[in-house]
Amino acid sequence: MNDLVLRFEGFEPEEGLRRSAEAAVKALCARVPDARGQIVFSRLWLSLRAVVNIEVSPRRLEVTLEEDDAVIVARMLIRLRRFARLARWERQGVERPCGFCDCARFVYVPRVRQDTENAGGRPLQILFAASCGEMDALVCAECGHVEWFVSDPDELPVGAHGTTELHHRPGAPYR
């Protein structure tokens, strides 16, 4: 059961902001049913602040974001997805062993960076927009095979730049 609270302090949010924030919280609750904590939005001069304080034992996420209205929920959702993925893997384990060597040990690498010799570096991205498609990695501890995860799959521009949405079809393939 979730004990996750979403609040808007000191202002009445636009309907689109409220709906997208509620959808982000609902998505987190579906992935991690025992998440506890709160997400509080407050209005700054020209932007919004989101203070996220969530716990899924044994992991805790505490982050403050200050962004304009158009991107704050998307940025928050990226953090929530990463948090939910790691919390689930820490508690339940990775769904299957490595497909190459059958090893069951992995290393999770959030926000894979380029230019690691430079301070900070740039995030490795599938680049369609300035902040779209940041990559996370799950690396096999034995053979080094990497599985990639896009942090914001709902932001990928399906139909643009040659991208195509595909669907799983259960059952045997047609022959």
C-alpha atoms as a PDB file:
ATOM      1  CA  MET A   1       0.000   0.000   0.000  1.00  0.00           C
ATOM      2  CA  ASN A   2       1.313   3.432  -0.948  1.00  0.00           C
ATOM      3  CA  ASP A   3       1.658   6.313   1.422  1.00  0.00           C
ATOM      4  CA  LEU A   4       2.837   8.774  -1.226  1.00  0.00           C
ATOM      5  CA  VAL A   5       1.508  12.332  -1.040  1.00  0.00           C
ATOM      6  CA  LEU A   6       1.477  14.949  -3.820  1.00  0.00           C
ATOM      7  CA  ARG A   7       0.995  18.566  -2.690  1.00  0.00           C
ATOM      8  CA  PHE A   8       0.945  21.992  -4.312  1.00  0.00           C
ATOM      9  CA  GLU A   9       1.844  24.705  -1.812  1.00  0.00           C
ATOM     10  CA  GLY A  10       1.052  28.395  -2.226  1.00  0.00           C
ATOM     11  CA  PHE A  11      -0.442  28.224  -5.707  1.00  0.00           C
ATOM     12  CA  GLU A  12      -3.128  26.508  -7.742  1.00  0.00           C
ATOM     13  CA  PRO A  13      -1.465  24.524 -10.565  1.00  0.00           C
ATOM     14  CA  GLU A  14      -2.685  24.531 -14.130  1.00  0.00           C
ATOM     15  CA  GLU A  15      -4.731  21.459 -14.954  1.00  0.00           C
ATOM     16  CA  GLY A  16      -2.043  20.022 -17.265  1.00  0.00           C
ATOM     17  CA  LEU A  17       0.625  20.283 -14.567  1.00  0.00           C
ATOM     18  CA  ARG A  18      -1.645  18.688 -11.972  1.00  0.00           C
ATOM     19  CA  ARG A  19      -2.588  15.807 -14.304  1.00  0.00           C
ATOM     20  CA  SER A  20       0.995  15.062 -15.336  1.00  0.00           C
ATOM     21  CA  ALA A  21       2.256  15.178 -11.719  1.00  0.00           C
ATOM     22  CA  GLU A  22      -0.576  12.867 -10.605  1.00  0.00           C
ATOM     23  CA  ALA A  23       0.232  10.484 -13.483  1.00  0.00           C
ATOM     24  CA  ALA A  24       3.920  10.420 -12.448  1.00  0.00           C
ATOM     25  CA  VAL A  25       2.981   9.549  -8.859  1.00  0.00           C
ATOM     26  CA  LYS A  26       0.516   6.907 -10.057  1.00  0.00           C
ATOM     27  CA  ALA A  27       3.209   5.337 -12.282  1.00  0.00           C
ATOM     28  CA  LEU A  28       5.652   5.188  -9.360  1.00  0.00           C
ATOM     29  CA  CYS A  29       2.997   3.620  -7.131  1.00  0.00           C
ATOM     30  CA  ALA A  30       2.298   0.956  -9.768  1.00  0.00           C
ATOM     31  CA  ARG A  31       5.995   0.042 -10.009  1.00  0.00           C
ATOM     32  CA  VAL A  32       6.779   0.253  -6.293  1.00  0.00           C
ATOM     33  CA  PRO A  33       3.613  -0.356  -4.263  1.00  0.00           C
ATOM     34  CA  ASP A  34       5.225   0.307  -0.875  1.00  0.00           C
ATOM     35  CA  ALA A  35       6.730   3.718  -1.706  1.00  0.00           C
ATOM     36  CA  ARG A  36       6.295   6.261   1.099  1.00  0.00           C
ATOM     37  CA  GLY A  37       6.937   9.990   1.229  1.00  0.00           C
ATOM     38  CA  GLN A  38       5.918  13.169  -0.506  1.00  0.00           C
ATOM     39  CA  ILE A  39       6.398  15.345  -3.544  1.00  0.00           C
ATOM     40  CA  VAL A  40       5.773  19.041  -2.907  1.00  0.00           C
ATOM     41  CA  PHE A  41       5.526  21.656  -5.659  1.00  0.00           C
ATOM     42  CA  SER A  42       5.876  25.348  -4.851  1.00  0.00           C
ATOM     43  CA  ARG A  43       5.956  28.420  -7.083  1.00  0.00           C
ATOM     44  CA  LEU A  44       9.165  30.435  -7.406  1.00  0.00           C
ATOM     45  CA  TRP A  45       9.404  33.745  -9.229  1.00  0.00           C
ATOM     46  CA  LEU A  46       9.621  32.378 -12.799  1.00  0.00           C
ATOM     47  CA  SER A  47       9.763  28.651 -12.213  1.00  0.00           C
ATOM     48  CA  LEU A  48       8.581  25.800 -10.035  1.00  0.00           C
ATOM     49  CA  ARG A  49      10.339  23.911  -7.281  1.00  0.00           C
ATOM     50  CA  ALA A  50       9.664  20.235  -6.703  1.00  0.00           C
ATOM     51  CA  VAL A  51      10.963  18.705  -3.483  1.00  0.00           C
ATOM     52  CA  VAL A  52      10.921  14.909  -3.683  1.00  0.00           C
ATOM     53  CA  ASN A  53      11.381  12.881  -0.498  1.00  0.00           C
ATOM     54  CA  ILE A  54      10.535   9.206  -1.055  1.00  0.00           C
ATOM     55  CA  GLU A  55      11.543   6.009   0.702  1.00  0.00           C
ATOM     56  CA  VAL A  56      11.379   2.429  -0.492  1.00  0.00           C
ATOM     57  CA  SER A  57      13.254   0.415   2.088  1.00  0.00           C
ATOM     58  CA  PRO A  58      16.259   0.339   2.064  1.00  0.00           C
ATOM     59  CA  ARG A  59      16.606   3.116  -0.535  1.00  0.00           C
ATOM     60  CA  ARG A  60      15.729   6.804  -0.096  1.00  0.00           C
ATOM     61  CA  LEU A  61      15.417   9.542  -2.755  1.00  0.00           C
ATOM     62  CA  GLU A  62      15.771  13.165  -1.701  1.00  0.00           C
ATOM     63  CA  VAL A  63      16.046  15.709  -4.486  1.00  0.00           C
ATOM     64  CA  THR A  64      15.060  19.309  -5.172  1.00  0.00           C
ATOM     65  CA  LEU A  65      14.400  20.385  -8.746  1.00  0.00           C
ATOM     66  CA  GLU A  66      13.941  23.971  -9.935  1.00  0.00           C
ATOM     67  CA  GLU A  67      12.749  24.142 -13.532  1.00  0.00           C
ATOM     68  CA  ASP A  68      10.213  25.949 -15.649  1.00  0.00           C
ATOM     69  CA  ASP A  69       6.669  24.614 -15.727  1.00  0.00           C
ATOM     70  CA  ALA A  70       7.128  22.880 -19.081  1.00  0.00           C
ATOM     71  CA  VAL A  71       9.864  20.469 -17.996  1.00  0.00           C
ATOM     72  CA  ILE A  72       9.730  20.015 -14.236  1.00  0.00           C
ATOM     73  CA  VAL A  73       7.387  17.007 -14.202  1.00  0.00           C
ATOM     74  CA  ALA A  74       9.345  15.298 -17.003  1.00  0.00           C
ATOM     75  CA  ARG A  75      12.597  15.749 -15.059  1.00  0.00           C
ATOM     76  CA  MET A  76      10.937  14.515 -11.876  1.00  0.00           C
ATOM     77  CA  LEU A  77       9.563  11.472 -13.711  1.00  0.00           C
ATOM     78  CA  ILE A  78      13.079  10.572 -14.916  1.00  0.00           C
ATOM     79  CA  ARG A  79      14.329  10.591 -11.319  1.00  0.00           C
ATOM     80  CA  LEU A  80      11.325   8.549 -10.148  1.00  0.00           C
ATOM     81  CA  ARG A  81      11.834   5.922 -12.889  1.00  0.00           C
ATOM     82  CA  ARG A  82      15.493   5.490 -12.020  1.00  0.00           C
ATOM     83  CA  PHE A  83      14.655   5.259  -8.331  1.00  0.00           C
ATOM     84  CA  ALA A  84      11.879   2.697  -8.907  1.00  0.00           C
ATOM     85  CA  ARG A  85      14.076   0.553 -11.184  1.00  0.00           C
ATOM     86  CA  LEU A  86      16.939   0.456  -8.687  1.00  0.00           C
ATOM     87  CA  ALA A  87      14.676  -0.119  -5.668  1.00  0.00           C
ATOM     88  CA  ARG A  88      12.933  -3.011  -7.442  1.00  0.00           C
ATOM     89  CA  TRP A  89      16.239  -4.614  -8.493  1.00  0.00           C
ATOM     90  CA  GLU A  90      17.755  -4.244  -5.019  1.00  0.00           C
ATOM     91  CA  ARG A  91      14.787  -5.951  -3.398  1.00  0.00           C
ATOM     92  CA  GLN A  92      13.676  -8.500  -5.990  1.00  0.00           C
ATOM     93  CA  GLY A  93      16.821  -8.957  -8.022  1.00  0.00           C
ATOM     94  CA  VAL A  94      17.253  -8.513 -11.752  1.00  0.00           C
ATOM     95  CA  GLU A  95      14.542 -10.376 -13.704  1.00  0.00           C
ATOM     96  CA  ARG A  96      16.875 -12.818 -15.481  1.00  0.00           C
ATOM     97  CA  PRO A  97      20.574 -13.735 -15.591  1.00  0.00           C
ATOM     98  CA  CYS A  98      22.906 -12.378 -18.256  1.00  0.00           C
ATOM     99  CA  GLY A  99      21.870 -13.602 -21.698  1.00  0.00           C
ATOM    100  CA  PHE A 100      25.494 -14.172 -22.703  1.00  0.00           C
ATOM    101  CA  CYS A 101      27.190 -15.881 -19.748  1.00  0.00           C
ATOM    102  CA  ASP A 102      24.300 -16.732 -17.372  1.00  0.00           C
ATOM    103  CA  CYS A 103      25.886 -14.676 -14.539  1.00  0.00           C
ATOM    104  CA  ALA A 104      23.479 -13.352 -11.920  1.00  0.00           C
ATOM    105  CA  ARG A 105      25.589 -10.357 -10.728  1.00  0.00           C
ATOM    106  CA  PHE A 106      25.151  -6.916 -12.264  1.00  0.00           C
ATOM    107  CA  VAL A 107      26.279  -3.323 -11.792  1.00  0.00           C
ATOM    108  CA  TYR A 108      23.691  -0.569 -12.324  1.00  0.00           C
ATOM    109  CA  VAL A 109      25.099   2.665 -13.798  1.00  0.00           C
ATOM    110  CA  PRO A 110      22.648   5.591 -13.797  1.00  0.00           C
ATOM    111  CA  ARG A 111      23.230   8.553 -16.128  1.00  0.00           C
ATOM    112  CA  VAL A 112      26.049   7.110 -18.201  1.00  0.00           C
ATOM    113  CA  ARG A 113      28.349  10.009 -19.071  1.00  0.00           C
ATOM    114  CA  GLN A 114      30.592  10.858 -22.011  1.00  0.00           C
ATOM    115  CA  ASP A 115      33.926  12.650 -21.559  1.00  0.00           C
ATOM    116  CA  THR A 116      34.537  11.161 -18.134  1.00  0.00           C
ATOM    117  CA  GLU A 117      37.988  12.776 -18.024  1.00  0.00           C
ATOM    118  CA  ASN A 118      36.313  16.184 -17.960  1.00  0.00           C
ATOM    119  CA  ALA A 119      34.529  17.259 -14.803  1.00  0.00           C
ATOM    120  CA  GLY A 120      30.946  16.047 -15.071  1.00  0.00           C
ATOM    121  CA  GLY A 121      30.915  15.132 -18.732  1.00  0.00           C
ATOM    122  CA  ARG A 122      27.807  15.075 -20.908  1.00  0.00           C
ATOM    123  CA  PRO A 123      25.120  12.423 -20.522  1.00  0.00           C
ATOM    124  CA  LEU A 124      25.124   9.681 -23.130  1.00  0.00           C
ATOM    125  CA  GLN A 125      21.889  10.272 -25.050  1.00  0.00           C
ATOM    126  CA  ILE A 126      19.743   9.254 -27.941  1.00  0.00           C
ATOM    127  CA  LEU A 127      19.754  12.850 -29.094  1.00  0.00           C
ATOM    128  CA  PHE A 128      16.529  14.255 -30.509  1.00  0.00           C
ATOM    129  CA  ALA A 129      16.078  17.187 -28.147  1.00  0.00           C
ATOM    130  CA  ALA A 130      18.301  18.908 -25.608  1.00  0.00           C
ATOM    131  CA  SER A 131      17.419  16.543 -22.773  1.00  0.00           C
ATOM    132  CA  CYS A 132      15.822  13.548 -24.436  1.00  0.00           C
ATOM    133  CA  GLY A 133      16.995   9.968 -24.145  1.00  0.00           C
ATOM    134  CA  GLU A 134      19.533   9.914 -21.303  1.00  0.00           C
ATOM    135  CA  MET A 135      20.927   6.418 -20.918  1.00  0.00           C
ATOM    136  CA  ASP A 136      21.269   4.158 -17.878  1.00  0.00           C
ATOM    137  CA  ALA A 137      23.112   0.827 -18.034  1.00  0.00           C
ATOM    138  CA  LEU A 138      22.899  -2.578 -16.398  1.00  0.00           C
ATOM    139  CA  VAL A 139      26.302  -4.250 -16.785  1.00  0.00           C
ATOM    140  CA  CYS A 140      27.013  -7.953 -16.278  1.00  0.00           C
ATOM    141  CA  ALA A 141      29.701  -8.252 -13.589  1.00  0.00           C
ATOM    142  CA  GLU A 142      31.199 -11.323 -15.295  1.00  0.00           C
ATOM    143  CA  CYS A 143      31.348 -10.736 -19.065  1.00  0.00           C
ATOM    144  CA  GLY A 144      30.579  -7.017 -19.290  1.00  0.00           C
ATOM    145  CA  HIS A 145      27.471  -7.337 -21.479  1.00  0.00           C
ATOM    146  CA  VAL A 146      25.451  -4.111 -21.227  1.00  0.00           C
ATOM    147  CA  GLU A 147      21.688  -3.627 -21.283  1.00  0.00           C
ATOM    148  CA  TRP A 148      20.674  -0.014 -21.929  1.00  0.00           C
ATOM    149  CA  PHE A 149      17.658   1.823 -20.544  1.00  0.00           C
ATOM    150  CA  VAL A 150      16.388   5.186 -21.747  1.00  0.00           C
ATOM    151  CA  SER A 151      15.435   7.323 -18.775  1.00  0.00           C
ATOM    152  CA  ASP A 152      12.538   9.065 -20.513  1.00  0.00           C
ATOM    153  CA  PRO A 153      11.035   6.704 -23.131  1.00  0.00           C
ATOM    154  CA  ASP A 154       7.792   8.689 -23.342  1.00  0.00           C
ATOM    155  CA  GLU A 155       9.784  11.671 -24.697  1.00  0.00           C
ATOM    156  CA  LEU A 156      11.258   9.811 -27.683  1.00  0.00           C
ATOM    157  CA  PRO A 157       9.741  11.269 -30.862  1.00  0.00           C
ATOM    158  CA  VAL A 158       8.052   8.264 -32.474  1.00  0.00           C
ATOM    159  CA  GLY A 159       7.722   8.856 -36.203  1.00  0.00           C
ATOM    160  CA  ALA A 160      10.482  11.473 -36.347  1.00  0.00           C
ATOM    161  CA  HIS A 161      14.122  10.891 -37.277  1.00  0.00           C
ATOM    162  CA  GLY A 162      13.315   7.397 -38.548  1.00  0.00           C
ATOM    163  CA  THR A 163      12.024   6.115 -35.199  1.00  0.00           C
ATOM    164  CA  THR A 164       9.268   3.494 -35.219  1.00  0.00           C
ATOM    165  CA  GLU A 165       7.116   2.188 -32.392  1.00  0.00           C
ATOM    166  CA  LEU A 166       6.953  -1.609 -32.288  1.00  0.00           C
ATOM    167  CA  HIS A 167       4.789  -3.909 -30.159  1.00  0.00           C
ATOM    168  CA  HIS A 168       5.277  -7.332 -28.606  1.00  0.00           C
ATOM    169  CA  ARG A 169       3.022  -9.954 -30.126  1.00  0.00           C
ATOM    170  CA  PRO A 170       2.588 -12.985 -27.880  1.00  0.00           C
ATOM    171  CA  GLY A 171       2.511 -16.438 -29.391  1.00  0.00           C
ATOM    172  CA  ALA A 172       4.482 -18.185 -32.085  1.00  0.00           C
ATOM    173  CA  PRO A 173       5.593 -16.152 -35.107  1.00  0.00           C
ATOM    174  CA  TYR A 174       3.721 -16.599 -38.375  1.00  0.00           C
ATOM    175  CA  ARG A 175       5.550 -18.944 -40.806  1.00  0.00           C
END
